[in-house]
């Protein structure tokens, strides 16, 4: 979406960039599971209504991960661990 909205420019296709970013770097892709989907709709406390952010936060919560972000809405949410 950031490429489509011209917020970032890649020298290759998004598919190619993502493939290179994942393979050989140790990054693990976590698939959307039913548990994450349900958690994204049942986040505790108050959280904004962006479905993508809800899924990101739910994924971190389900897998007990810390998010690296500068997104103030996520940083201000006390029910997920963040790093920045």
PDB file of N, CA and C in Angstrom:
ATOM      1  N   UNK A   1       0.816  -1.194   0.000  1.00  0.00           N
ATOM      2  CA  UNK A   1       0.000   0.000   0.000  1.00  0.00           C
ATOM      3  C   UNK A   1       0.862   1.261   0.000  1.00  0.00           C
ATOM      4  N   UNK A   2       1.991   1.203   0.688  1.00  0.00           N
ATOM      5  CA  UNK A   2       2.849   2.386   0.730  1.00  0.00           C
ATOM      6  C   UNK A   2       3.438   2.685  -0.647  1.00  0.00           C
ATOM      7  N   UNK A   3       3.732   1.652  -1.418  1.00  0.00           N
ATOM      8  CA  UNK A   3       4.217   1.855  -2.785  1.00  0.00           C
ATOM      9  C   UNK A   3       3.096   2.446  -3.628  1.00  0.00           C
ATOM     10  N   UNK A   4       1.901   1.872  -3.523  1.00  0.00           N
ATOM     11  CA  UNK A   4       0.760   2.356  -4.308  1.00  0.00           C
ATOM     12  C   UNK A   4       0.424   3.810  -3.980  1.00  0.00           C
ATOM     13  N   UNK A   5       0.612   4.188  -2.724  1.00  0.00           N
ATOM     14  CA  UNK A   5       0.318   5.561  -2.292  1.00  0.00           C
ATOM     15  C   UNK A   5       1.501   6.501  -2.455  1.00  0.00           C
ATOM     16  N   UNK A   6       2.595   5.956  -3.030  1.00  0.00           N
ATOM     17  CA  UNK A   6       3.802   6.740  -3.302  1.00  0.00           C
ATOM     18  C   UNK A   6       4.453   7.282  -2.033  1.00  0.00           C
ATOM     19  N   UNK A   7       4.295   6.550  -0.924  1.00  0.00           N
ATOM     20  CA  UNK A   7       4.951   6.940   0.326  1.00  0.00           C
ATOM     21  C   UNK A   7       6.363   6.385   0.380  1.00  0.00           C
ATOM     22  N   UNK A   8       6.610   5.291  -0.325  1.00  0.00           N
ATOM     23  CA  UNK A   8       7.953   4.744  -0.486  1.00  0.00           C
ATOM     24  C   UNK A   8       8.134   4.334  -1.941  1.00  0.00           C
ATOM     25  N   UNK A   9       9.373   4.269  -2.363  1.00  0.00           N
ATOM     26  CA  UNK A   9       9.685   3.845  -3.727  1.00  0.00           C
ATOM     27  C   UNK A   9      10.658   2.671  -3.649  1.00  0.00           C
ATOM     28  N   UNK A  10      10.330   1.601  -4.349  1.00  0.00           N
ATOM     29  CA  UNK A  10      11.200   0.432  -4.407  1.00  0.00           C
ATOM     30  C   UNK A  10      11.810   0.342  -5.792  1.00  0.00           C
ATOM     31  N   UNK A  11      13.028  -0.175  -5.862  1.00  0.00           N
ATOM     32  CA  UNK A  11      13.699  -0.323  -7.150  1.00  0.00           C
ATOM     33  C   UNK A  11      13.316  -1.624  -7.831  1.00  0.00           C
ATOM     34  N   UNK A  12      12.445  -2.402  -7.208  1.00  0.00           N
ATOM     35  CA  UNK A  12      11.977  -3.673  -7.733  1.00  0.00           C
ATOM     36  C   UNK A  12      10.500  -3.825  -7.365  1.00  0.00           C
ATOM     37  N   UNK A  13       9.879  -4.887  -7.805  1.00  0.00           N
ATOM     38  CA  UNK A  13       8.471  -5.095  -7.471  1.00  0.00           C
ATOM     39  C   UNK A  13       8.340  -5.402  -5.980  1.00  0.00           C
ATOM     40  N   UNK A  14       7.192  -5.097  -5.396  1.00  0.00           N
ATOM     41  CA  UNK A  14       7.001  -5.435  -3.982  1.00  0.00           C
ATOM     42  C   UNK A  14       7.180  -6.932  -3.703  1.00  0.00           C
ATOM     43  N   UNK A  15       6.742  -7.775  -4.627  1.00  0.00           N
ATOM     44  CA  UNK A  15       6.900  -9.223  -4.445  1.00  0.00           C
ATOM     45  C   UNK A  15       8.364  -9.622  -4.381  1.00  0.00           C
ATOM     46  N   UNK A  16       9.160  -9.082  -5.263  1.00  0.00           N
ATOM     47  CA  UNK A  16      10.576  -9.384  -5.295  1.00  0.00           C
ATOM     48  C   UNK A  16      11.269  -8.831  -4.051  1.00  0.00           C
ATOM     49  N   UNK A  17      10.929  -7.616  -3.668  1.00  0.00           N
ATOM     50  CA  UNK A  17      11.514  -7.016  -2.473  1.00  0.00           C
ATOM     51  C   UNK A  17      11.210  -7.859  -1.249  1.00  0.00           C
ATOM     52  N   UNK A  18       9.952  -8.274  -1.098  1.00  0.00           N
ATOM     53  CA  UNK A  18       9.554  -9.064   0.059  1.00  0.00           C
ATOM     54  C   UNK A  18      10.263 -10.409   0.082  1.00  0.00           C
ATOM     55  N   UNK A  19      10.370 -11.045  -1.059  1.00  0.00           N
ATOM     56  CA  UNK A  19      11.060 -12.334  -1.141  1.00  0.00           C
ATOM     57  C   UNK A  19      12.508 -12.197  -0.691  1.00  0.00           C
ATOM     58  N   UNK A  20      13.190 -11.179  -1.169  1.00  0.00           N
ATOM     59  CA  UNK A  20      14.593 -10.963  -0.773  1.00  0.00           C
ATOM     60  C   UNK A  20      14.710 -10.587   0.701  1.00  0.00           C
ATOM     61  N   UNK A  21      13.748  -9.834   1.201  1.00  0.00           N
ATOM     62  CA  UNK A  21      13.787  -9.404   2.599  1.00  0.00           C
ATOM     63  C   UNK A  21      13.598 -10.577   3.553  1.00  0.00           C
ATOM     64  N   UNK A  22      12.854 -11.577   3.130  1.00  0.00           N
ATOM     65  CA  UNK A  22      12.548 -12.711   4.003  1.00  0.00           C
ATOM     66  C   UNK A  22      13.612 -13.792   3.915  1.00  0.00           C
ATOM     67  N   UNK A  23      13.988 -14.180   2.719  1.00  0.00           N
ATOM     68  CA  UNK A  23      14.888 -15.314   2.547  1.00  0.00           C
ATOM     69  C   UNK A  23      16.329 -14.953   2.913  1.00  0.00           C
ATOM     70  N   UNK A  24      16.910 -15.781   3.759  1.00  0.00           N
ATOM     71  CA  UNK A  24      18.304 -15.605   4.130  1.00  0.00           C
ATOM     72  C   UNK A  24      18.558 -14.563   5.200  1.00  0.00           C
ATOM     73  N   UNK A  25      17.491 -14.021   5.795  1.00  0.00           N
ATOM     74  CA  UNK A  25      17.683 -12.984   6.812  1.00  0.00           C
ATOM     75  C   UNK A  25      17.317 -13.462   8.208  1.00  0.00           C
ATOM     76  N   UNK A  26      16.701 -14.605   8.297  1.00  0.00           N
ATOM     77  CA  UNK A  26      16.255 -15.101   9.591  1.00  0.00           C
ATOM     78  C   UNK A  26      14.885 -14.591   9.991  1.00  0.00           C
ATOM     79  N   UNK A  27      14.277 -13.795   9.134  1.00  0.00           N
ATOM     80  CA  UNK A  27      12.928 -13.313   9.417  1.00  0.00           C
ATOM     81  C   UNK A  27      11.954 -14.469   9.232  1.00  0.00           C
ATOM     82  N   UNK A  28      11.034 -14.592  10.161  1.00  0.00           N
ATOM     83  CA  UNK A  28      10.018 -15.631  10.079  1.00  0.00           C
ATOM     84  C   UNK A  28       8.673 -14.970   9.820  1.00  0.00           C
ATOM     85  N   UNK A  29       7.956 -15.466   8.831  1.00  0.00           N
ATOM     86  CA  UNK A  29       6.624 -14.955   8.530  1.00  0.00           C
ATOM     87  C   UNK A  29       5.620 -15.763   9.342  1.00  0.00           C
ATOM     88  N   UNK A  30       4.778 -15.072  10.086  1.00  0.00           N
ATOM     89  CA  UNK A  30       3.745 -15.721  10.880  1.00  0.00           C
ATOM     90  C   UNK A  30       2.430 -15.581  10.133  1.00  0.00           C
ATOM     91  N   UNK A  31       1.812 -16.716   9.848  1.00  0.00           N
ATOM     92  CA  UNK A  31       0.547 -16.690   9.117  1.00  0.00           C
ATOM     93  C   UNK A  31      -0.600 -16.253  10.027  1.00  0.00           C
ATOM     94  N   UNK A  32      -1.608 -15.682   9.410  1.00  0.00           N
ATOM     95  CA  UNK A  32      -2.810 -15.301  10.134  1.00  0.00           C
ATOM     96  C   UNK A  32      -3.563 -16.570  10.513  1.00  0.00           C
ATOM     97  N   UNK A  33      -3.720 -16.774  11.789  1.00  0.00           N
ATOM     98  CA  UNK A  33      -4.396 -17.973  12.293  1.00  0.00           C
ATOM     99  C   UNK A  33      -5.779 -17.588  12.824  1.00  0.00           C
ATOM    100  N   UNK A  34      -6.644 -18.574  13.019  1.00  0.00           N
ATOM    101  CA  UNK A  34      -7.933 -18.261  13.647  1.00  0.00           C
ATOM    102  C   UNK A  34      -7.765 -17.617  15.023  1.00  0.00           C
ATOM    103  N   UNK A  35      -6.763 -18.043  15.789  1.00  0.00           N
ATOM    104  CA  UNK A  35      -6.524 -17.480  17.114  1.00  0.00           C
ATOM    105  C   UNK A  35      -6.175 -15.989  17.013  1.00  0.00           C
ATOM    106  N   UNK A  36      -5.347 -15.629  16.042  1.00  0.00           N
ATOM    107  CA  UNK A  36      -4.980 -14.219  15.846  1.00  0.00           C
ATOM    108  C   UNK A  36      -6.196 -13.419  15.387  1.00  0.00           C
ATOM    109  N   UNK A  37      -6.974 -13.988  14.471  1.00  0.00           N
ATOM    110  CA  UNK A  37      -8.165 -13.290  13.971  1.00  0.00           C
ATOM    111  C   UNK A  37      -9.140 -12.988  15.104  1.00  0.00           C
ATOM    112  N   UNK A  38      -9.382 -13.963  15.964  1.00  0.00           N
ATOM    113  CA  UNK A  38     -10.296 -13.755  17.094  1.00  0.00           C
ATOM    114  C   UNK A  38      -9.708 -12.738  18.066  1.00  0.00           C
ATOM    115  N   UNK A  39      -8.425 -12.869  18.385  1.00  0.00           N
ATOM    116  CA  UNK A  39      -7.768 -11.930  19.307  1.00  0.00           C
ATOM    117  C   UNK A  39      -7.859 -10.500  18.777  1.00  0.00           C
ATOM    118  N   UNK A  40      -7.731 -10.323  17.459  1.00  0.00           N
ATOM    119  CA  UNK A  40      -7.768  -8.971  16.884  1.00  0.00           C
ATOM    120  C   UNK A  40      -9.121  -8.292  17.100  1.00  0.00           C
ATOM    121  N   UNK A  41     -10.159  -9.083  17.301  1.00  0.00           N
ATOM    122  CA  UNK A  41     -11.500  -8.534  17.546  1.00  0.00           C
ATOM    123  C   UNK A  41     -11.814  -8.406  19.030  1.00  0.00           C
ATOM    124  N   UNK A  42     -10.937  -8.942  19.872  1.00  0.00           N
ATOM    125  CA  UNK A  42     -11.178  -8.948  21.318  1.00  0.00           C
ATOM    126  C   UNK A  42     -10.025  -8.330  22.103  1.00  0.00           C
ATOM    127  N   UNK A  43      -9.337  -7.389  21.519  1.00  0.00           N
ATOM    128  CA  UNK A  43      -8.222  -6.751  22.222  1.00  0.00           C
ATOM    129  C   UNK A  43      -8.735  -6.064  23.485  1.00  0.00           C
ATOM    130  N   UNK A  44      -8.023  -6.249  24.603  1.00  0.00           N
ATOM    131  CA  UNK A  44      -8.485  -5.626  25.840  1.00  0.00           C
ATOM    132  C   UNK A  44      -8.301  -4.112  25.819  1.00  0.00           C
ATOM    133  N   UNK A  45      -9.082  -3.446  26.625  1.00  0.00           N
ATOM    134  CA  UNK A  45      -8.957  -1.994  26.734  1.00  0.00           C
ATOM    135  C   UNK A  45      -9.409  -1.283  25.471  1.00  0.00           C
ATOM    136  N   UNK A  46      -8.962  -0.061  25.341  1.00  0.00           N
ATOM    137  CA  UNK A  46      -9.301   0.770  24.178  1.00  0.00           C
ATOM    138  C   UNK A  46      -8.178   0.723  23.156  1.00  0.00           C
ATOM    139  N   UNK A  47      -8.499   0.402  21.921  1.00  0.00           N
ATOM    140  CA  UNK A  47      -7.532   0.435  20.826  1.00  0.00           C
ATOM    141  C   UNK A  47      -8.259   0.940  19.596  1.00  0.00           C
ATOM    142  N   UNK A  48      -7.558   1.649  18.741  1.00  0.00           N
ATOM    143  CA  UNK A  48      -8.222   2.243  17.579  1.00  0.00           C
ATOM    144  C   UNK A  48      -8.695   1.168  16.605  1.00  0.00           C
ATOM    145  N   UNK A  49      -9.488   1.557  15.629  1.00  0.00           N
ATOM    146  CA  UNK A  49     -10.225   0.603  14.814  1.00  0.00           C
ATOM    147  C   UNK A  49      -9.559   0.229  13.487  1.00  0.00           C
ATOM    148  N   UNK A  50      -8.285   0.459  13.333  1.00  0.00           N
ATOM    149  CA  UNK A  50      -7.585   0.076  12.108  1.00  0.00           C
ATOM    150  C   UNK A  50      -7.387  -1.445  12.110  1.00  0.00           C
ATOM    151  N   UNK A  51      -8.049  -2.178  11.205  1.00  0.00           N
ATOM    152  CA  UNK A  51      -7.964  -3.636  11.218  1.00  0.00           C
ATOM    153  C   UNK A  51      -6.539  -4.163  11.057  1.00  0.00           C
ATOM    154  N   UNK A  52      -5.719  -3.502  10.265  1.00  0.00           N
ATOM    155  CA  UNK A  52      -4.336  -3.956  10.073  1.00  0.00           C
ATOM    156  C   UNK A  52      -3.561  -3.848  11.387  1.00  0.00           C
ATOM    157  N   UNK A  53      -3.706  -2.730  12.090  1.00  0.00           N
ATOM    158  CA  UNK A  53      -3.033  -2.567  13.375  1.00  0.00           C
ATOM    159  C   UNK A  53      -3.568  -3.560  14.401  1.00  0.00           C
ATOM    160  N   UNK A  54      -4.854  -3.826  14.362  1.00  0.00           N
ATOM    161  CA  UNK A  54      -5.435  -4.801  15.285  1.00  0.00           C
ATOM    162  C   UNK A  54      -4.826  -6.185  15.056  1.00  0.00           C
ATOM    163  N   UNK A  55      -4.634  -6.573  13.803  1.00  0.00           N
ATOM    164  CA  UNK A  55      -4.033  -7.869  13.485  1.00  0.00           C
ATOM    165  C   UNK A  55      -2.570  -7.894  13.915  1.00  0.00           C
ATOM    166  N   UNK A  56      -1.855  -6.809  13.685  1.00  0.00           N
ATOM    167  CA  UNK A  56      -0.441  -6.731  14.090  1.00  0.00           C
ATOM    168  C   UNK A  56      -0.317  -6.880  15.604  1.00  0.00           C
ATOM    169  N   UNK A  57      -1.131  -6.149  16.349  1.00  0.00           N
ATOM    170  CA  UNK A  57      -1.084  -6.214  17.808  1.00  0.00           C
ATOM    171  C   UNK A  57      -1.512  -7.595  18.296  1.00  0.00           C
ATOM    172  N   UNK A  58      -2.558  -8.144  17.708  1.00  0.00           N
ATOM    173  CA  UNK A  58      -3.027  -9.475  18.102  1.00  0.00           C
ATOM    174  C   UNK A  58      -1.956 -10.528  17.849  1.00  0.00           C
ATOM    175  N   UNK A  59      -1.254 -10.428  16.733  1.00  0.00           N
ATOM    176  CA  UNK A  59      -0.183 -11.380  16.423  1.00  0.00           C
ATOM    177  C   UNK A  59       0.902 -11.318  17.487  1.00  0.00           C
ATOM    178  N   UNK A  60       1.295 -10.106  17.865  1.00  0.00           N
ATOM    179  CA  UNK A  60       2.317  -9.950  18.903  1.00  0.00           C
ATOM    180  C   UNK A  60       1.835 -10.523  20.229  1.00  0.00           C
ATOM    181  N   UNK A  61       0.586 -10.300  20.552  1.00  0.00           N
ATOM    182  CA  UNK A  61       0.052 -10.802  21.819  1.00  0.00           C
ATOM    183  C   UNK A  61      -0.026 -12.324  21.826  1.00  0.00           C
ATOM    184  N   UNK A  62      -0.533 -12.917  20.764  1.00  0.00           N
ATOM    185  CA  UNK A  62      -0.680 -14.378  20.694  1.00  0.00           C
ATOM    186  C   UNK A  62       0.671 -15.072  20.771  1.00  0.00           C
ATOM    187  N   UNK A  63       1.681 -14.492  20.132  1.00  0.00           N
ATOM    188  CA  UNK A  63       3.005 -15.119  20.077  1.00  0.00           C
ATOM    189  C   UNK A  63       3.970 -14.555  21.120  1.00  0.00           C
ATOM    190  N   UNK A  64       3.461 -13.704  21.996  1.00  0.00           N
ATOM    191  CA  UNK A  64       4.272 -13.107  23.071  1.00  0.00           C
ATOM    192  C   UNK A  64       5.527 -12.427  22.513  1.00  0.00           C
ATOM    193  N   UNK A  65       5.312 -11.570  21.525  1.00  0.00           N
ATOM    194  CA  UNK A  65       6.393 -10.858  20.856  1.00  0.00           C
ATOM    195  C   UNK A  65       6.344  -9.373  21.200  1.00  0.00           C
ATOM    196  N   UNK A  66       7.464  -8.697  21.044  1.00  0.00           N
ATOM    197  CA  UNK A  66       7.521  -7.243  21.155  1.00  0.00           C
ATOM    198  C   UNK A  66       7.494  -6.649  19.753  1.00  0.00           C
ATOM    199  N   UNK A  67       6.756  -5.569  19.592  1.00  0.00           N
ATOM    200  CA  UNK A  67       6.676  -4.886  18.301  1.00  0.00           C
ATOM    201  C   UNK A  67       7.714  -3.766  18.245  1.00  0.00           C
ATOM    202  N   UNK A  68       8.403  -3.667  17.133  1.00  0.00           N
ATOM    203  CA  UNK A  68       9.298  -2.549  16.878  1.00  0.00           C
ATOM    204  C   UNK A  68       8.508  -1.571  16.017  1.00  0.00           C
ATOM    205  N   UNK A  69       8.172  -0.430  16.589  1.00  0.00           N
ATOM    206  CA  UNK A  69       7.310   0.516  15.884  1.00  0.00           C
ATOM    207  C   UNK A  69       7.541   1.930  16.394  1.00  0.00           C
ATOM    208  N   UNK A  70       7.192   2.882  15.571  1.00  0.00           N
ATOM    209  CA  UNK A  70       7.147   4.271  16.028  1.00  0.00           C
ATOM    210  C   UNK A  70       5.706   4.793  15.975  1.00  0.00           C
ATOM    211  N   UNK A  71       4.775   3.899  15.676  1.00  0.00           N
ATOM    212  CA  UNK A  71       3.353   4.239  15.612  1.00  0.00           C
ATOM    213  C   UNK A  71       2.864   4.602  17.016  1.00  0.00           C
ATOM    214  N   UNK A  72       2.486   5.837  17.206  1.00  0.00           N
ATOM    215  CA  UNK A  72       2.099   6.333  18.526  1.00  0.00           C
ATOM    216  C   UNK A  72       0.854   5.634  19.069  1.00  0.00           C
ATOM    217  N   UNK A  73      -0.054   5.221  18.197  1.00  0.00           N
ATOM    218  CA  UNK A  73      -1.259   4.546  18.673  1.00  0.00           C
ATOM    219  C   UNK A  73      -0.924   3.176  19.241  1.00  0.00           C
ATOM    220  N   UNK A  74       0.043   2.494  18.623  1.00  0.00           N
ATOM    221  CA  UNK A  74       0.464   1.193  19.147  1.00  0.00           C
ATOM    222  C   UNK A  74       1.332   1.392  20.381  1.00  0.00           C
ATOM    223  N   UNK A  75       2.251   2.353  20.339  1.00  0.00           N
ATOM    224  CA  UNK A  75       3.113   2.619  21.496  1.00  0.00           C
ATOM    225  C   UNK A  75       2.294   2.999  22.739  1.00  0.00           C
ATOM    226  N   UNK A  76       1.182   3.664  22.538  1.00  0.00           N
ATOM    227  CA  UNK A  76       0.342   4.082  23.650  1.00  0.00           C
ATOM    228  C   UNK A  76      -0.600   3.014  24.158  1.00  0.00           C
ATOM    229  N   UNK A  77      -0.642   1.864  23.498  1.00  0.00           N
ATOM    230  CA  UNK A  77      -1.538   0.780  23.893  1.00  0.00           C
ATOM    231  C   UNK A  77      -0.831  -0.085  24.937  1.00  0.00           C
ATOM    232  N   UNK A  78      -1.339  -0.140  26.152  1.00  0.00           N
ATOM    233  CA  UNK A  78      -0.595  -0.799  27.236  1.00  0.00           C
ATOM    234  C   UNK A  78      -0.640  -2.332  27.229  1.00  0.00           C
ATOM    235  N   UNK A  79      -1.388  -2.924  26.311  1.00  0.00           N
ATOM    236  CA  UNK A  79      -1.585  -4.368  26.345  1.00  0.00           C
ATOM    237  C   UNK A  79      -0.725  -5.112  25.318  1.00  0.00           C
ATOM    238  N   UNK A  80       0.335  -4.453  24.836  1.00  0.00           N
ATOM    239  CA  UNK A  80       1.283  -5.096  23.931  1.00  0.00           C
ATOM    240  C   UNK A  80       2.678  -4.543  24.243  1.00  0.00           C
ATOM    241  N   UNK A  81       3.678  -5.402  24.143  1.00  0.00           N
ATOM    242  CA  UNK A  81       5.061  -4.968  24.383  1.00  0.00           C
ATOM    243  C   UNK A  81       5.595  -4.288  23.121  1.00  0.00           C
ATOM    244  N   UNK A  82       6.271  -3.165  23.294  1.00  0.00           N
ATOM    245  CA  UNK A  82       6.829  -2.436  22.152  1.00  0.00           C
ATOM    246  C   UNK A  82       8.277  -2.048  22.430  1.00  0.00           C
ATOM    247  N   UNK A  83       8.988  -1.829  21.326  1.00  0.00           N
ATOM    248  CA  UNK A  83      10.372  -1.379  21.366  1.00  0.00           C
ATOM    249  C   UNK A  83      10.500  -0.251  20.359  1.00  0.00           C
ATOM    250  N   UNK A  84      11.078   0.857  20.781  1.00  0.00           N
ATOM    251  CA  UNK A  84      11.474   1.910  19.829  1.00  0.00           C
ATOM    252  C   UNK A  84      12.307   2.927  20.494  1.00  0.00           C
TER     253      UNK A  84
END
